[in-house]
Amino acid sequence: MIKAPETAAPPRKRLFVTLMGVTCLIVVAVIFLAWWIPNRGLANIHPNLPHLVGIIMVVLSGMAILGTGLLVLTTALGKDIFLTRFMRLVVIKFLLPVIEFVGRLLGLDKDRIRQSFIAMNNSLVMSQRMKVKPDRILVLLPHCIQLSDCEIKVTGDINKCVHCGRCSIMGLVAIGRKYSVDISVATGGTLARKVIVEKRPKLVLAVACERDLTSGIKDCYPLPVIGILNERPFGPCFNTVVDVSKIDEALGQVLQMDELP
């Protein structure tokens, strides 16, 4: 039987929220400078123009501060307060690249930022309180979850597993049968996207490393993705492990109650 890995501390949203606040302050500062620097020149064009531009800049700054506050409240309370889907778009398409840049300037580890982003994304998805039928959920796994020396390759059909218990696949097969959800193993990002197009799920629960999960969340938007990090006791992309209880817990929160066994 495979030994349960030492469970790493779950990724927290705190780092991403902190960097989000720093980014908000930078945006507000840039907006202010964009108004203040040409202020005298604008007055030469028309005496009221600096005031008009100032109002626009104040509105933009207010939107940045309000958006940051809504994101923090949504993730803190776990409730869909206002425009959560749009806020996910802002976080994924705009804030993430800016925050990664700010993190690099501060010398922060990229994977730590990605872990915090994944936690933030999961919180936003969960805040929508979605209830999805089992046949509209796809659990997507990386091929490295299976032991490299296993002769029974489960890519394409996880039910080929012979239940030897040497890797996480056995527990994942049990999860699939417990909830009647579709579980697929992908050998890379291209195949993962192909599986998603073919299955057309309403929600994806994906297991991968920080880089692949972050990339997958961005590529799949607006499709909601819940990301679960794998354990890598032997290094990346080789005999990785996943905490099956985390998948069980996540599915329990998003499945329609009348469909649970």
Foldseek 3Di string as FASTA:
>chain_A
DADDDDDDDQQALVVVLVLLVVVLVVLLVVLVCVLPVCVVVLCVVPVCRSVVSVVVSVVVSVVSVVLSVQLVVCLVVLACDDDLLVSLVCCLVPVLVVSLVVCVVVVHDSQSNLSSSLSSLQSSVSNDQAAFAQLQEEEEEEQQQDAPPDPQRCAVHLVSDPLPVRGCSNVVVVLCVQQVHHYHYDHDDVVVVVVCVVSVHQEYEYEFGSVVVSVVCSVPPPRRYRYFYWACPPDHSHNIHGDSVVVVVVCVRHHDPVSGD
